Amino acid sequence: MNYKGITLNLITYFLIWLDIIHVNISRAAQFTVYSSSSSMIVNIGKDAILSCYLEPEMSAVDMEIRWIRADDGSIVYKYRKGVEETPDVNNKYYRRTEMIKDGIERGNVSMKIRDVQVSDKGLYTCYYQSDYMFDEARIEILPQAIGKSPSLLIETEAPNFKVSCSSSGWYPKPVGQWLSGDKQSMTMLRKSIAETEDGLYNITISSIFTKESQGITCAIQNTYSECQRQVSIHLSESLFPVSNAGHIAAHVILSVIILGFVIVYILNERRKRKKKEFKQAIKHTADVRLDPDTAHPDLKVSDDLKCLSRAEERQDVPDNEKRFDTRLYVHGKDVLSNNGAYWKVNVKDANHWTIGVAKQNINRKGNLNLSTREGYWVLELNDGRYQVYTDQPKMKKNVKGVCNIGIYVHSKKLQIDFYDADKSQLIHSFNKNLEKNISLYPFFSVWTQGEKIHVCSQGCPHCAQTHSDEEAPMLLGIS
């Protein structure tokens, strides 16, 4: 009997069998980790929720999942096959973190960090590991603190005034400036910024003014969200010491009253102008439809091309150069008119969406950066927080209640406006990185199952006005 030949055949079959198993395991186990955004702004003292997900969707129940500080490699949270493991966790995060596992069967995992502090600033790595491979994504936490309203100290040095403006409790380092009555920047004599024990910053700016300066404003601004605190004063000779105290008091009271009337007048005029601009926008209403040939396979476009939702299962659609293959995005079907275009999107059935405008020639493959520099002008809602993407993401918490978002591309002004369409109230305007005669398309995204958005058309039952001006909740604009 030829034992040598039999042995060689057995070895050959065994190696082929191992190779088949290896190929099948590799195909079954491949995945990529993505973060929900590259960075997030969090108010100090509030909670941060960092989210990651797998593509393609698969269960992460039996995987090892870690959240790691990228700067020092310390473990913030560790999960392994259904069990939280705490021995290796950085003491600073012990009992401050928890994992939200609602979507773990689909590979969606979020980590909550309670009571965010200055020391939590930095990059965090979301790390997934199965029995056969691993991958990771990163997200940056940007803690911010909006300081107290500024206070003024006025020293009279006839014929001039030395005015100092102070505010405390800011993060990161704020910027301060003096503004004239027509909001033009004025010369600053001195600026000092001091760091407190808890890592926050106090700022004082001062300058010399003459009585001709009249109305001046001290403005302190957060550099992340550009939120400001302001205080204004009207300078006059009545601020110099005189013997008649009653005369001084009368002048001060009169100045305050006049300033109050001026502020009310300016606000009313501004409100009238914004409503007039909104009515002008409606005259350019466009028939916007979704383009299913550009939709990510996990998105579902209705037959009338007006409704967008997250599909329960991945759609069997052909791949093409127009289709988004990584992010859950879809374009409008038609290019927008160069004469201006307005459309309305009903968002009352969704808490996680992105809508706006994108250039025609954007890249649609891979992980995309939603910024004006890359050709995206979008507004996003994520669990009650509005965000706009510029060179630095800006975020502000907003009250609930907005159901219809109006979008107006103003070709003459090179400006894109987002409105609360039910109140005719401006939410945000983009005017950067826009050029004349560029081809723009409507842009949409919804990424949570069970949620959907509707592109409004005449007679659409989803887009009826949902509240009156008296009942509508007040909207905080993002500036």
Protein backbone atom coordinates (compact mmCIF):
# COMPACT_ATOMS: atom_id res chain seq x y z
CA MET A 1 0.00 0.00 0.00
CA ASN A 2 1.28 3.49 -0.91
CA TYR A 3 1.12 5.19 2.54
CA LYS A 4 3.18 8.12 1.34
CA GLY A 5 0.69 8.99 -1.41
CA ILE A 6 -2.28 8.64 0.96
CA THR A 7 -0.59 10.90 3.51
CA LEU A 8 0.12 13.60 0.92
CA ASN A 9 -3.50 13.51 -0.29
CA LEU A 10 -4.81 13.86 3.26
CA ILE A 11 -2.52 16.83 3.94
CA THR A 12 -3.63 18.48 0.69
CA TYR A 13 -7.34 18.05 1.51
CA PHE A 14 -6.76 19.37 5.04
CA LEU A 15 -5.01 22.52 3.79
CA ILE A 16 -7.78 23.16 1.25
CA TRP A 17 -10.38 22.72 4.02
CA LEU A 18 -8.54 25.21 6.27
CA ASP A 19 -8.31 27.72 3.42
CA ILE A 20 -12.08 27.48 2.72
CA ILE A 21 -12.86 28.00 6.42
CA HIS A 22 -10.48 30.98 6.58
CA VAL A 23 -12.08 32.62 3.53
CA ASN A 24 -15.62 32.12 4.85
CA ILE A 25 -14.72 33.43 8.30
CA SER A 26 -12.99 36.49 6.82
CA ARG A 27 -15.97 37.31 4.62
CA ALA A 28 -18.42 36.89 7.50
CA ALA A 29 -16.44 38.94 9.99
CA GLN A 30 -15.37 42.04 8.04
CA PHE A 31 -16.74 45.34 9.32
CA THR A 32 -15.90 49.05 9.57
CA VAL A 33 -16.49 51.29 12.59
CA TYR A 34 -17.88 54.82 12.11
CA SER A 35 -18.58 57.58 14.61
CA SER A 36 -21.80 59.62 14.41
CA SER A 37 -19.75 62.84 14.08
CA SER A 38 -16.13 63.97 14.24
CA SER A 39 -16.66 66.28 17.20
CA MET A 40 -19.32 67.44 19.63
CA ILE A 41 -19.69 70.56 21.78
CA VAL A 42 -20.91 69.84 25.32
CA ASN A 43 -21.82 72.34 28.02
CA ILE A 44 -19.72 71.80 31.14
CA GLY A 45 -21.76 70.01 33.80
CA LYS A 46 -24.00 68.30 31.21
CA ASP A 47 -23.81 64.75 29.84
CA ALA A 48 -22.07 63.75 26.60
CA ILE A 49 -23.25 60.83 24.45
CA LEU A 50 -20.63 59.44 22.05
CA SER A 51 -22.06 57.12 19.38
CA CYS A 52 -20.47 54.56 17.04
CA TYR A 53 -21.90 52.00 14.63
CA LEU A 54 -20.83 49.17 12.36
CA GLU A 55 -21.08 48.92 8.59
CA PRO A 56 -22.47 46.55 7.53
CA GLU A 57 -24.94 46.15 10.38
CA MET A 58 -24.19 43.17 12.62
CA SER A 59 -24.58 42.23 16.26
CA ALA A 60 -21.88 43.49 18.63
CA VAL A 61 -23.24 41.59 21.66
CA ASP A 62 -20.37 39.09 21.65
CA MET A 63 -17.65 41.59 20.75
CA GLU A 64 -15.21 43.49 22.93
CA ILE A 65 -15.94 47.24 22.88
CA ARG A 66 -13.69 49.86 24.41
CA TRP A 67 -13.75 53.65 24.68
CA ILE A 68 -10.20 54.95 25.06
CA ARG A 69 -8.63 58.38 25.63
CA ALA A 70 -6.54 58.92 22.51
CA ASP A 71 -4.02 61.19 24.26
CA ASP A 72 -2.84 58.76 26.96
CA GLY A 73 -4.41 55.43 25.96
CA SER A 74 -6.34 55.08 29.23
CA ILE A 75 -9.58 53.07 29.16
CA VAL A 76 -12.76 55.07 29.70
CA TYR A 77 -15.19 52.16 29.33
CA LYS A 78 -14.75 48.45 28.57
CA TYR A 79 -17.40 45.91 27.55
CA ARG A 80 -16.67 42.28 26.74
CA LYS A 81 -19.28 39.77 25.52
CA GLY A 82 -22.18 41.13 27.56
CA VAL A 83 -20.25 42.16 30.68
CA GLU A 84 -18.89 45.55 31.78
CA GLU A 85 -15.27 45.25 32.94
CA THR A 86 -14.16 47.96 35.39
CA PRO A 87 -10.68 47.01 36.75
CA ASP A 88 -8.80 48.66 33.85
CA VAL A 89 -10.96 51.81 33.71
CA ASN A 90 -9.33 55.21 34.38
CA ASN A 91 -10.36 56.29 37.91
CA LYS A 92 -11.50 59.66 36.59
CA TYR A 93 -14.29 57.93 34.63
CA TYR A 94 -15.25 55.25 37.15
CA ARG A 95 -19.02 55.42 37.75
CA ARG A 96 -19.25 58.41 35.37
CA THR A 97 -19.79 56.30 32.25
CA GLU A 98 -22.36 53.87 31.01
CA MET A 99 -23.03 52.14 27.70
CA ILE A 100 -26.37 52.58 25.95
CA LYS A 101 -27.07 49.19 24.38
CA ASP A 102 -30.44 49.77 22.67
CA GLY A 103 -28.92 49.23 19.22
CA ILE A 104 -26.15 46.75 20.05
CA GLU A 105 -27.90 43.99 18.05
CA ARG A 106 -27.33 46.19 14.97
CA GLY A 107 -23.83 47.25 16.01
CA ASN A 108 -24.94 50.69 17.29
CA VAL A 109 -23.35 51.55 20.64
CA SER A 110 -23.28 54.82 22.59
CA MET A 111 -21.32 55.77 25.70
CA LYS A 112 -22.62 58.40 28.12
CA ILE A 113 -20.14 60.50 30.13
CA ARG A 114 -21.86 62.25 33.01
CA ASP A 115 -21.03 65.75 34.27
CA VAL A 116 -18.53 66.74 31.56
CA GLN A 117 -15.61 68.86 32.83
CA VAL A 118 -12.74 70.76 31.24
CA SER A 119 -10.45 67.77 31.81
CA ASP A 120 -12.68 65.63 29.54
CA LYS A 121 -11.65 67.61 26.47
CA GLY A 122 -9.93 65.55 23.79
CA LEU A 123 -10.18 62.71 21.29
CA TYR A 124 -11.86 59.43 22.22
CA THR A 125 -11.37 56.17 20.33
CA CYS A 126 -14.31 53.79 19.86
CA TYR A 127 -12.77 50.31 19.45
CA TYR A 128 -14.63 47.15 18.34
CA GLN A 129 -13.01 43.70 18.35
CA SER A 130 -14.54 40.40 17.25
CA ASP A 131 -12.91 36.98 17.28
CA TYR A 132 -11.40 37.66 13.86
CA MET A 133 -10.75 41.39 13.40
CA PHE A 134 -10.97 44.86 14.94
CA ASP A 135 -11.55 48.45 13.84
CA GLU A 136 -11.92 51.86 15.47
CA ALA A 137 -13.25 55.41 14.98
CA ARG A 138 -12.68 58.67 16.80
CA ILE A 139 -14.79 61.54 18.11
CA GLU A 140 -13.65 64.71 19.89
CA ILE A 141 -15.33 66.22 22.96
CA LEU A 142 -15.20 70.02 23.10
CA PRO A 143 -16.40 71.21 26.54
CA GLN A 144 -17.70 74.76 26.66
CA ALA A 145 -18.93 77.17 29.32
CA ILE A 146 -20.84 80.39 28.64
CA GLY A 147 -19.81 82.96 31.24
CA LYS A 148 -21.85 85.39 33.28
CA SER A 149 -23.28 88.62 31.89
CA PRO A 150 -20.53 91.27 31.81
CA SER A 151 -20.33 94.04 34.41
CA LEU A 152 -19.01 97.55 33.74
CA LEU A 153 -16.75 99.79 35.82
CA ILE A 154 -16.75 103.43 34.69
CA GLU A 155 -14.04 105.84 35.83
CA THR A 156 -14.35 109.50 34.84
CA GLU A 157 -11.17 111.29 33.83
CA ALA A 158 -12.54 114.50 32.31
CA PRO A 159 -13.10 114.89 29.47
CA ASN A 160 -12.81 111.11 28.95
CA PHE A 161 -14.22 107.90 30.39
CA LYS A 162 -12.21 104.81 31.28
CA VAL A 163 -14.55 101.82 31.00
CA SER A 164 -13.67 98.28 32.12
CA CYS A 165 -15.81 95.25 31.27
CA SER A 166 -15.49 91.96 33.19
CA SER A 167 -17.07 88.52 32.87
CA SER A 168 -16.27 85.17 34.53
CA GLY A 169 -16.83 81.45 33.96
CA TRP A 170 -15.84 80.92 30.30
CA TYR A 171 -14.33 77.98 28.46
CA PRO A 172 -12.36 77.88 26.24
CA LYS A 173 -10.60 81.27 26.38
CA PRO A 174 -13.18 83.82 25.23
CA VAL A 175 -12.64 86.80 22.96
CA GLY A 176 -13.79 90.29 23.91
CA GLN A 177 -14.36 93.47 21.94
CA TRP A 178 -15.89 96.92 22.17
CA LEU A 179 -18.60 97.80 19.63
CA SER A 180 -19.85 101.22 18.62
CA GLY A 181 -23.51 102.10 18.26
CA ASP A 182 -23.50 100.78 14.68
CA LYS A 183 -21.78 97.55 15.83
CA GLN A 184 -18.35 98.46 14.44
CA SER A 185 -15.29 97.20 16.33
CA MET A 186 -13.55 99.83 18.49
CA THR A 187 -10.01 100.15 19.82
CA MET A 188 -9.20 98.15 22.97
CA LEU A 189 -6.70 99.57 25.46
CA ARG A 190 -6.08 96.47 27.57
CA LYS A 191 -7.19 92.84 27.83
CA SER A 192 -6.47 90.30 30.58
CA ILE A 193 -7.57 86.66 30.80
CA ALA A 194 -7.02 84.64 33.99
CA GLU A 195 -7.52 80.91 34.50
CA THR A 196 -9.34 79.77 37.65
CA GLU A 197 -8.69 76.65 39.72
CA ASP A 198 -11.48 74.74 37.96
CA GLY A 199 -10.00 75.48 34.51
CA LEU A 200 -12.47 78.22 33.52
CA TYR A 201 -11.46 81.70 32.37
CA ASN A 202 -12.24 85.23 33.57
CA ILE A 203 -11.79 88.12 31.14
CA THR A 204 -11.49 91.90 31.55
CA ILE A 205 -11.20 94.40 28.71
CA SER A 206 -10.86 98.16 29.07
CA SER A 207 -10.55 101.26 26.92
CA ILE A 208 -10.75 105.06 26.96
CA PHE A 209 -13.81 106.74 25.45
CA THR A 210 -14.92 110.32 24.94
CA LYS A 211 -18.44 111.61 25.47
CA GLU A 212 -18.77 111.68 21.66
CA SER A 213 -18.53 107.88 21.72
CA GLN A 214 -22.08 107.82 23.15
CA GLY A 215 -23.49 104.26 22.88
CA ILE A 216 -20.90 101.50 23.36
CA THR A 217 -21.26 97.75 23.83
CA CYS A 218 -18.96 95.24 25.51
CA ALA A 219 -19.27 91.82 23.81
CA ILE A 220 -17.67 88.62 25.18
CA GLN A 221 -17.86 85.58 22.89
CA ASN A 222 -17.32 81.82 23.18
CA THR A 223 -15.02 80.64 20.38
CA TYR A 224 -16.71 77.22 19.94
CA SER A 225 -20.38 78.12 19.60
CA GLU A 226 -19.92 81.90 19.09
CA CYS A 227 -22.49 82.52 21.84
CA GLN A 228 -22.13 86.06 23.22
CA ARG A 229 -22.82 87.98 26.41
CA GLN A 230 -23.23 91.74 25.93
CA VAL A 231 -23.76 94.85 27.99
CA SER A 232 -24.29 98.36 26.59
CA ILE A 233 -24.12 101.87 28.00
CA HIS A 234 -24.70 105.41 26.75
CA LEU A 235 -21.85 107.77 27.68
CA SER A 236 -22.72 111.40 28.44
CA GLU A 237 -21.56 114.33 30.55
CA SER A 238 -24.15 113.40 33.16
CA LEU A 239 -21.84 110.57 34.26
CA PHE A 240 -19.30 113.09 35.60
CA PRO A 241 -19.67 113.96 39.31
CA VAL A 242 -21.83 117.06 39.93
CA SER A 243 -23.37 118.53 43.04
CA ASN A 244 -26.96 117.94 42.01
CA ALA A 245 -27.53 114.22 42.63
CA GLY A 246 -31.15 114.43 41.49
CA HIS A 247 -30.06 115.91 38.17
CA ILE A 248 -27.65 113.00 37.64
CA ALA A 249 -30.29 110.42 38.51
CA ALA A 250 -32.76 111.98 36.09
CA HIS A 251 -30.24 111.86 33.26
CA VAL A 252 -29.35 108.24 33.99
CA ILE A 253 -33.01 107.18 34.11
CA LEU A 254 -33.77 109.07 30.91
CA SER A 255 -30.80 107.45 29.15
CA VAL A 256 -31.94 103.99 30.22
CA ILE A 257 -35.50 104.67 29.01
CA ILE A 258 -34.27 105.97 25.65
CA LEU A 259 -31.94 103.01 25.24
CA GLY A 260 -34.81 100.66 26.03
CA PHE A 261 -37.01 102.26 23.36
CA VAL A 262 -34.17 102.06 20.84
CA ILE A 263 -33.61 98.37 21.55
CA VAL A 264 -37.33 97.57 21.21
CA TYR A 265 -37.51 99.54 17.95
CA ILE A 266 -34.47 97.76 16.50
CA LEU A 267 -35.81 94.33 17.45
CA ASN A 268 -39.24 95.09 15.92
CA GLU A 269 -37.69 96.35 12.70
CA ARG A 270 -35.45 93.31 12.52
CA ARG A 271 -38.44 90.99 13.04
CA LYS A 272 -40.42 92.78 10.29
CA ARG A 273 -37.48 92.53 7.89
CA LYS A 274 -37.03 88.80 8.50
CA LYS A 275 -40.74 88.10 7.93
CA LYS A 276 -40.64 90.14 4.73
CA GLU A 277 -37.63 88.13 3.52
CA PHE A 278 -39.48 84.89 4.33
CA LYS A 279 -42.53 85.95 2.30
CA GLN A 280 -40.21 86.78 -0.60
CA ALA A 281 -38.63 83.32 -0.31
CA ILE A 282 -42.01 81.56 -0.62
CA LYS A 283 -42.48 83.17 -4.05
CA HIS A 284 -39.61 80.97 -5.29
CA THR A 285 -41.18 77.66 -4.16
CA ALA A 286 -39.68 74.72 -6.08
CA ASP A 287 -41.04 71.21 -6.65
CA VAL A 288 -38.30 69.24 -4.90
CA ARG A 289 -38.16 65.45 -5.28
CA LEU A 290 -35.80 62.82 -3.92
CA ASP A 291 -33.46 60.99 -6.29
CA PRO A 292 -33.53 57.24 -5.44
CA ASP A 293 -30.46 56.65 -7.66
CA THR A 294 -28.34 58.60 -5.13
CA ALA A 295 -29.86 57.11 -1.93
CA HIS A 296 -27.73 54.98 0.38
CA PRO A 297 -28.96 51.35 0.32
CA ASP A 298 -30.15 51.67 3.95
CA LEU A 299 -32.54 54.51 3.01
CA LYS A 300 -36.03 54.07 1.54
CA VAL A 301 -37.50 56.61 -0.89
CA SER A 302 -41.28 56.56 -1.40
CA ASP A 303 -42.83 56.00 -4.83
CA ASP A 304 -43.87 59.67 -5.08
CA LEU A 305 -40.24 60.70 -4.32
CA LYS A 306 -41.42 62.85 -1.40
CA CYS A 307 -40.83 60.71 1.72
CA LEU A 308 -37.50 59.48 3.15
CA SER A 309 -37.09 56.88 5.91
CA ARG A 310 -34.54 54.42 7.26
CA ALA A 311 -35.18 51.02 5.66
CA GLU A 312 -35.79 48.03 7.89
CA GLU A 313 -33.43 46.02 5.69
CA ARG A 314 -30.75 47.05 3.21
CA GLN A 315 -32.30 47.77 -0.21
CA ASP A 316 -31.25 45.65 -3.19
CA VAL A 317 -30.27 48.54 -5.46
CA PRO A 318 -27.59 48.77 -8.15
CA ASP A 319 -24.36 50.55 -7.27
CA ASN A 320 -23.50 53.59 -9.39
CA GLU A 321 -21.21 56.60 -9.23
CA LYS A 322 -24.07 58.83 -7.99
CA ARG A 323 -25.03 56.67 -4.99
CA PHE A 324 -23.78 57.38 -1.44
CA ASP A 325 -22.18 54.16 -0.20
CA THR A 326 -21.16 54.91 3.41
CA ARG A 327 -23.17 57.77 4.94
CA LEU A 328 -26.99 57.66 4.97
CA TYR A 329 -27.50 60.51 2.46
CA VAL A 330 -29.64 61.20 -0.62
CA HIS A 331 -29.74 64.07 -3.16
CA GLY A 332 -32.68 65.85 -4.67
CA LYS A 333 -33.54 64.74 -8.20
CA ASP A 334 -33.26 68.13 -9.90
CA VAL A 335 -30.68 70.92 -9.79
CA LEU A 336 -31.95 74.10 -8.09
CA SER A 337 -32.81 77.18 -10.13
CA ASN A 338 -30.19 79.94 -10.39
CA ASN A 339 -33.01 82.44 -9.82
CA GLY A 340 -33.52 81.21 -6.24
CA ALA A 341 -35.39 78.26 -4.78
CA TYR A 342 -37.48 77.59 -1.66
CA TRP A 343 -38.85 74.29 -0.35
CA LYS A 344 -40.24 72.96 2.91
CA VAL A 345 -39.52 69.72 4.77
CA ASN A 346 -41.82 68.26 7.43
CA VAL A 347 -39.70 66.79 10.26
CA LYS A 348 -42.32 66.18 12.97
CA ASP A 349 -41.89 62.38 12.67
CA ALA A 350 -38.09 62.42 13.17
CA ASN A 351 -35.64 63.42 15.89
CA HIS A 352 -32.46 62.59 13.95
CA TRP A 353 -32.11 64.22 10.53
CA THR A 354 -29.90 66.34 8.28
CA ILE A 355 -31.29 68.60 5.54
CA GLY A 356 -29.89 71.36 3.37
CA VAL A 357 -27.98 71.91 0.14
CA ALA A 358 -24.94 70.28 -1.50
CA LYS A 359 -22.82 70.96 -4.58
CA GLN A 360 -23.38 68.81 -7.66
CA ASN A 361 -19.79 67.54 -7.89
CA ILE A 362 -19.28 66.37 -4.29
CA ASN A 363 -17.68 63.01 -3.54
CA ARG A 364 -20.32 60.42 -2.59
CA LYS A 365 -18.11 57.52 -1.62
CA GLY A 366 -16.57 56.83 1.78
CA ASN A 367 -16.71 58.84 5.00
CA LEU A 368 -17.69 62.45 4.18
CA ASN A 369 -17.07 65.73 6.00
CA LEU A 370 -20.21 67.91 6.10
CA SER A 371 -18.69 71.40 5.99
CA THR A 372 -19.24 74.47 3.82
CA ARG A 373 -15.66 74.15 2.60
CA GLU A 374 -16.49 70.68 1.20
CA GLY A 375 -19.68 71.92 -0.48
CA TYR A 376 -22.38 71.19 2.13
CA TRP A 377 -24.68 73.78 3.75
CA VAL A 378 -26.83 71.75 6.16
CA LEU A 379 -28.82 71.90 9.40
CA GLU A 380 -28.92 68.81 11.64
CA LEU A 381 -31.13 67.74 14.55
CA ASN A 382 -29.86 65.06 16.94
CA ASP A 383 -31.87 64.36 20.13
CA GLY A 384 -33.10 67.95 20.56
CA ARG A 385 -29.87 69.70 19.55
CA TYR A 386 -29.49 71.68 16.35
CA GLN A 387 -26.08 71.73 14.68
CA VAL A 388 -24.69 73.53 11.66
CA TYR A 389 -21.47 72.43 10.02
CA THR A 390 -18.92 75.14 9.22
CA ASP A 391 -15.12 75.06 9.55
CA GLN A 392 -15.81 74.47 13.27
CA PRO A 393 -19.13 72.73 14.13
CA LYS A 394 -21.55 74.91 16.11
CA MET A 395 -24.24 73.52 18.34
CA LYS A 396 -26.96 74.99 20.53
CA LYS A 397 -29.73 73.33 22.46
CA ASN A 398 -33.14 74.26 21.14
CA VAL A 399 -36.70 74.02 22.45
CA LYS A 400 -38.95 71.40 20.84
CA GLY A 401 -41.86 72.10 18.55
CA VAL A 402 -40.52 72.91 15.07
CA CYS A 403 -42.37 70.72 12.56
CA ASN A 404 -41.74 72.35 9.18
CA ILE A 405 -38.29 73.57 8.11
CA GLY A 406 -38.12 76.01 5.20
CA ILE A 407 -34.93 76.24 3.11
CA TYR A 408 -34.29 79.21 0.80
CA VAL A 409 -31.36 79.45 -1.62
CA HIS A 410 -30.98 83.19 -2.30
CA SER A 411 -28.99 83.41 -5.55
CA LYS A 412 -28.52 87.21 -5.54
CA LYS A 413 -27.28 87.42 -1.95
CA LEU A 414 -25.29 84.15 -2.24
CA GLN A 415 -27.00 83.05 0.97
CA ILE A 416 -28.84 79.94 2.22
CA ASP A 417 -31.48 80.46 4.95
CA PHE A 418 -33.19 77.92 7.22
CA TYR A 419 -36.58 78.90 8.70
CA ASP A 420 -39.16 77.67 11.15
CA ALA A 421 -41.72 77.75 8.35
CA ASP A 422 -44.73 77.79 10.70
CA LYS A 423 -43.53 80.95 12.47
CA SER A 424 -41.71 82.61 9.53
CA GLN A 425 -38.71 82.78 11.86
CA LEU A 426 -35.07 82.49 10.80
CA ILE A 427 -33.04 79.65 12.38
CA HIS A 428 -29.69 80.11 10.61
CA SER A 429 -28.08 81.68 7.52
CA PHE A 430 -25.06 80.48 5.54
CA ASN A 431 -23.09 82.98 3.45
CA LYS A 432 -19.61 81.43 3.31
CA ASN A 433 -17.98 79.42 0.49
CA LEU A 434 -20.88 80.16 -1.89
CA GLU A 435 -20.16 81.15 -5.49
CA LYS A 436 -22.24 82.40 -8.39
CA ASN A 437 -23.60 79.97 -10.98
CA ILE A 438 -22.74 76.77 -9.12
CA SER A 439 -25.06 73.78 -9.45
CA LEU A 440 -26.74 72.96 -6.14
CA TYR A 441 -29.00 70.07 -5.13
CA PRO A 442 -31.28 69.58 -2.11
CA PHE A 443 -29.71 67.22 0.44
CA PHE A 444 -31.39 64.90 2.98
CA SER A 445 -30.61 62.28 5.62
CA VAL A 446 -32.50 60.36 8.30
CA TRP A 447 -30.64 57.66 10.19
CA THR A 448 -32.97 56.16 12.82
CA GLN A 449 -35.45 53.38 12.01
CA GLY A 450 -39.09 54.29 12.54
CA GLU A 451 -38.44 57.96 11.69
CA LYS A 452 -39.20 59.73 8.43
CA ILE A 453 -39.25 63.17 6.82
CA HIS A 454 -41.52 64.51 4.06
CA VAL A 455 -40.66 66.96 1.28
CA CYS A 456 -43.70 69.23 1.16
CA SER A 457 -45.80 69.94 -1.89
CA GLN A 458 -49.05 71.84 -2.38
CA GLY A 459 -51.87 70.13 -0.49
CA CYS A 460 -49.53 67.79 1.39
CA PRO A 461 -51.36 66.64 4.59
CA HIS A 462 -48.06 66.24 6.48
CA CYS A 463 -47.05 69.87 6.02
CA ALA A 464 -50.04 71.79 7.34
CA GLN A 465 -49.17 74.58 9.79
CA THR A 466 -49.01 72.99 13.23
CA HIS A 467 -49.20 75.98 15.54
CA SER A 468 -50.17 79.63 15.54
CA ASP A 469 -47.78 82.51 16.19
CA GLU A 470 -49.21 82.83 19.70
CA GLU A 471 -48.86 79.14 20.54
CA ALA A 472 -45.55 78.45 18.82
CA PRO A 473 -42.56 77.79 21.05
CA MET A 474 -39.75 80.32 20.90
CA LEU A 475 -36.84 79.25 18.70
CA LEU A 476 -33.23 80.03 19.59
CA GLY A 477 -31.30 80.84 16.41
CA ILE A 478 -27.81 79.52 15.72
CA SER A 479 -25.61 82.44 14.76
